[in-house]
Amino acid sequence: MHGAGPGAWRAACYIAATLSAPVIAMGHRLSKITTRTGDQGETGLGDGSRVPKDSPRIAALGEVDELNSAIGVVLAEPIPEAVREVLTAIQHELFDLGSEIAVPGYTAVTAAHVARLEGLVESLNSDLAPLKEFILPGGTRGAALAHLARTVCRRAERSVIALARVETVSNVARVYLNRLSDLLFILGRVINREAGAGDVLWRKGRSSGDA
């Protein structure tokens, strides 16, 4: 969380979404961006408690926030509408996941969310050519950005695992991020296929001097 303003914005949104705070109260919080409440190296969680900005919970929250932003960059590209609909839904789910991390003890992501991702992975992958080699991030810009989002997703998963070692976190949250990284890999391939670019295959033993 960079700066007190965005931190206050997220806390207000999480409180409104998860604790039924009045909308007008959230609006007042959003109207003031710079609050200076985090100048001493602490920030507020959705339940009103304060923790150091480098705590495992804030690290995990920041990684999920970055992942959502990375997906937003993919959405800024000319990608297939079906992919756009999937990623837009995921952005909302990641905001829910952020609320879960920001409010200890609260659960927002369920097994149904995980099952939906698994269904998407299975259905989308079935239409792709089987892979016989590893692929490299690349092809179209949209596909490369999907792979970048995938690596951020893996980092977010690691942060949630690290948080779970010291605090109670729903196991479903970790599983959701694991399945999402699989889906982002598949979506990268779908974006390239729909653009007529195809996969960028890794060539074993290729040296830097090869054409």
Protein backbone atom coordinates (compact mmCIF):
# COMPACT_ATOMS: atom_id res chain seq x y z
CA MET A 1 0.00 0.00 0.00
CA HIS A 2 1.73 3.14 -1.20
CA GLY A 3 0.68 6.26 0.66
CA ALA A 4 -2.01 6.88 3.18
CA GLY A 5 -4.58 8.02 0.62
CA PRO A 6 -4.92 4.76 -1.34
CA GLY A 7 -4.79 2.85 1.94
CA ALA A 8 -7.71 4.86 3.30
CA TRP A 9 -9.58 4.35 0.03
CA ARG A 10 -9.18 0.59 0.18
CA ALA A 11 -10.08 0.39 3.84
CA ALA A 12 -13.24 2.43 3.22
CA CYS A 13 -14.24 0.21 0.31
CA TYR A 14 -13.57 -2.98 2.26
CA ILE A 15 -15.52 -1.75 5.26
CA ALA A 16 -18.47 -0.78 3.06
CA ALA A 17 -18.37 -4.07 1.17
CA THR A 18 -17.88 -6.42 4.10
CA LEU A 19 -19.18 -4.72 7.21
CA SER A 20 -22.25 -2.96 5.73
CA ALA A 21 -20.91 0.52 6.46
CA PRO A 22 -23.17 3.35 5.24
CA VAL A 23 -22.33 4.38 1.69
CA ILE A 24 -22.27 8.05 2.65
CA ALA A 25 -19.55 7.32 5.22
CA MET A 26 -17.45 5.67 2.55
CA GLY A 27 -17.99 8.69 0.32
CA HIS A 28 -16.58 11.02 2.97
CA ARG A 29 -13.54 8.78 3.31
CA LEU A 30 -13.00 8.74 -0.45
CA SER A 31 -13.17 12.54 -0.72
CA LYS A 32 -9.99 12.90 1.33
CA ILE A 33 -7.03 11.25 -0.41
CA THR A 34 -4.12 12.41 1.74
CA THR A 35 -4.86 11.54 5.37
CA ARG A 36 -1.32 11.36 6.84
CA THR A 37 -2.51 8.49 9.05
CA GLY A 38 0.21 6.22 7.70
CA ASP A 39 3.14 8.56 8.16
CA GLN A 40 4.47 6.54 11.10
CA GLY A 41 4.79 3.35 9.06
CA GLU A 42 1.46 1.81 10.01
CA THR A 43 -1.81 1.38 8.13
CA GLY A 44 -5.37 0.44 9.01
CA LEU A 45 -7.14 -2.82 8.29
CA GLY A 46 -10.83 -3.12 7.54
CA ASP A 47 -11.64 -4.08 11.14
CA GLY A 48 -10.09 -0.87 12.47
CA SER A 49 -6.86 -2.42 13.74
CA ARG A 50 -3.50 -1.00 12.73
CA VAL A 51 -0.48 -2.97 11.54
CA PRO A 52 3.00 -2.14 10.20
CA LYS A 53 3.03 -1.47 6.47
CA ASP A 54 5.58 -4.24 5.98
CA SER A 55 3.51 -6.87 7.81
CA PRO A 56 2.73 -10.14 5.99
CA ARG A 57 -0.96 -9.20 5.76
CA ILE A 58 -0.25 -5.87 4.08
CA ALA A 59 2.30 -7.54 1.79
CA ALA A 60 -0.34 -10.05 0.67
CA LEU A 61 -2.92 -7.31 0.23
CA GLY A 62 -0.48 -5.30 -1.87
CA GLU A 63 0.32 -8.30 -4.09
CA VAL A 64 -3.38 -8.93 -4.75
CA ASP A 65 -3.81 -5.22 -5.49
CA GLU A 66 -0.88 -5.35 -7.94
CA LEU A 67 -2.35 -8.44 -9.59
CA ASN A 68 -5.65 -6.65 -10.12
CA SER A 69 -3.78 -3.72 -11.66
CA ALA A 70 -1.81 -6.06 -13.94
CA ILE A 71 -5.06 -7.57 -15.18
CA GLY A 72 -6.36 -4.04 -15.75
CA VAL A 73 -3.43 -3.47 -18.11
CA VAL A 74 -4.36 -6.62 -20.05
CA LEU A 75 -7.90 -5.29 -20.31
CA ALA A 76 -6.57 -2.09 -21.86
CA GLU A 77 -5.41 -4.15 -24.85
CA PRO A 78 -7.52 -5.19 -27.87
CA ILE A 79 -8.30 -8.71 -26.63
CA PRO A 80 -11.17 -11.09 -27.52
CA GLU A 81 -14.47 -10.13 -25.90
CA ALA A 82 -14.82 -13.52 -24.23
CA VAL A 83 -11.43 -13.04 -22.57
CA ARG A 84 -12.41 -9.52 -21.56
CA GLU A 85 -15.56 -10.78 -19.83
CA VAL A 86 -13.58 -13.40 -17.90
CA LEU A 87 -10.92 -10.94 -16.75
CA THR A 88 -13.47 -8.32 -15.77
CA ALA A 89 -15.23 -10.82 -13.51
CA ILE A 90 -11.88 -11.81 -12.03
CA GLN A 91 -11.08 -8.19 -11.19
CA HIS A 92 -14.23 -8.04 -9.05
CA GLU A 93 -13.33 -11.33 -7.38
CA LEU A 94 -9.83 -10.09 -6.61
CA PHE A 95 -11.32 -7.02 -4.96
CA ASP A 96 -13.39 -9.41 -2.84
CA LEU A 97 -10.23 -11.36 -2.05
CA GLY A 98 -8.58 -8.11 -1.00
CA SER A 99 -11.45 -7.45 1.38
CA GLU A 100 -10.93 -10.90 2.85
CA ILE A 101 -7.27 -10.16 3.52
CA ALA A 102 -8.03 -6.67 4.82
CA VAL A 103 -10.61 -7.89 7.34
CA PRO A 104 -9.14 -10.74 9.45
CA GLY A 105 -11.68 -13.51 9.96
CA TYR A 106 -13.84 -12.46 7.00
CA THR A 107 -14.41 -14.86 4.07
CA ALA A 108 -15.32 -13.65 0.59
CA VAL A 109 -13.85 -16.20 -1.83
CA THR A 110 -15.51 -19.61 -1.79
CA ALA A 111 -15.04 -23.04 -3.30
CA ALA A 112 -17.57 -22.03 -5.97
CA HIS A 113 -15.15 -19.34 -7.21
CA VAL A 114 -12.40 -21.94 -7.45
CA ALA A 115 -14.68 -24.38 -9.29
CA ARG A 116 -15.56 -21.68 -11.82
CA LEU A 117 -11.88 -21.06 -12.56
CA GLU A 118 -11.25 -24.79 -12.93
CA GLY A 119 -14.16 -25.03 -15.36
CA LEU A 120 -12.77 -22.16 -17.42
CA VAL A 121 -9.30 -23.71 -17.51
CA GLU A 122 -10.72 -27.03 -18.69
CA SER A 123 -13.03 -25.59 -21.34
CA LEU A 124 -10.57 -23.04 -22.76
CA ASN A 125 -7.65 -25.45 -22.77
CA SER A 126 -9.65 -28.10 -24.61
CA ASP A 127 -9.84 -25.80 -27.65
CA LEU A 128 -6.08 -25.19 -27.76
CA ALA A 129 -3.49 -27.29 -29.55
CA PRO A 130 -1.65 -29.64 -27.18
CA LEU A 131 1.70 -28.28 -26.04
CA LYS A 132 4.79 -30.35 -26.88
CA GLU A 133 7.28 -27.69 -25.78
CA PHE A 134 7.44 -25.01 -23.14
CA ILE A 135 6.33 -21.60 -24.33
CA LEU A 136 7.81 -18.17 -23.75
CA PRO A 137 5.86 -15.07 -22.72
CA GLY A 138 5.31 -13.19 -25.95
CA GLY A 139 3.54 -13.14 -29.27
CA THR A 140 1.09 -10.28 -29.00
CA ARG A 141 1.35 -7.55 -26.39
CA GLY A 142 -1.90 -8.72 -24.81
CA ALA A 143 -0.60 -12.28 -24.43
CA ALA A 144 2.71 -11.09 -22.99
CA LEU A 145 0.82 -8.97 -20.44
CA ALA A 146 -1.34 -11.97 -19.51
CA HIS A 147 1.85 -13.88 -18.75
CA LEU A 148 3.13 -10.95 -16.72
CA ALA A 149 -0.12 -11.01 -14.73
CA ARG A 150 0.41 -14.76 -14.26
CA THR A 151 3.81 -14.18 -12.63
CA VAL A 152 2.32 -11.50 -10.36
CA CYS A 153 -0.41 -13.99 -9.46
CA ARG A 154 2.20 -16.56 -8.44
CA ARG A 155 3.86 -13.94 -6.25
CA ALA A 156 0.53 -13.09 -4.66
CA GLU A 157 -0.02 -16.77 -3.94
CA ARG A 158 3.37 -16.98 -2.24
CA SER A 159 2.51 -13.94 -0.12
CA VAL A 160 -0.78 -15.49 0.98
CA ILE A 161 1.08 -18.69 1.90
CA ALA A 162 3.58 -16.66 3.92
CA LEU A 163 0.71 -14.89 5.69
CA ALA A 164 -0.94 -18.23 6.48
CA ARG A 165 2.19 -19.31 8.34
CA VAL A 166 1.73 -16.60 10.96
CA GLU A 167 -2.00 -15.77 10.83
CA THR A 168 -5.25 -17.51 10.00
CA VAL A 169 -6.13 -17.26 6.32
CA SER A 170 -8.69 -19.21 4.33
CA ASN A 171 -7.05 -21.99 2.33
CA VAL A 172 -9.52 -21.27 -0.47
CA ALA A 173 -7.82 -17.91 -1.06
CA ARG A 174 -4.53 -19.61 -1.81
CA VAL A 175 -6.18 -22.23 -4.03
CA TYR A 176 -8.04 -19.50 -5.92
CA LEU A 177 -4.77 -17.73 -6.76
CA ASN A 178 -3.18 -21.01 -7.81
CA ARG A 179 -6.02 -21.77 -10.24
CA LEU A 180 -6.02 -18.17 -11.47
CA SER A 181 -2.37 -18.42 -12.47
CA ASP A 182 -3.26 -21.50 -14.54
CA LEU A 183 -6.10 -19.61 -16.17
CA LEU A 184 -3.89 -16.61 -17.01
CA PHE A 185 -1.46 -18.99 -18.75
CA ILE A 186 -4.32 -20.39 -20.83
CA LEU A 187 -5.69 -16.92 -21.60
CA GLY A 188 -2.27 -15.85 -22.88
CA ARG A 189 -2.43 -18.69 -25.38
CA VAL A 190 -6.02 -17.85 -26.31
CA ILE A 191 -5.13 -14.21 -26.95
CA ASN A 192 -2.28 -15.23 -29.26
CA ARG A 193 -4.42 -17.78 -31.09
CA GLU A 194 -7.23 -15.33 -31.72
CA ALA A 195 -4.72 -12.78 -33.02
CA GLY A 196 -3.20 -15.34 -35.37
CA ALA A 197 0.16 -15.10 -33.61
CA GLY A 198 0.42 -18.58 -32.12
CA ASP A 199 2.59 -19.68 -29.22
CA VAL A 200 6.21 -18.62 -28.86
CA LEU A 201 7.99 -21.92 -28.33
CA TRP A 202 11.09 -22.37 -26.21
CA ARG A 203 13.95 -23.84 -28.23
CA LYS A 204 16.18 -26.06 -26.15
CA GLY A 205 19.88 -25.35 -26.59
CA ARG A 206 19.35 -22.13 -28.50
CA SER A 207 22.31 -19.80 -27.94
CA SER A 208 22.22 -16.01 -28.02
CA GLY A 209 23.96 -16.06 -31.39
CA ASP A 210 21.35 -18.21 -33.11
CA ALA A 211 19.09 -16.56 -35.64
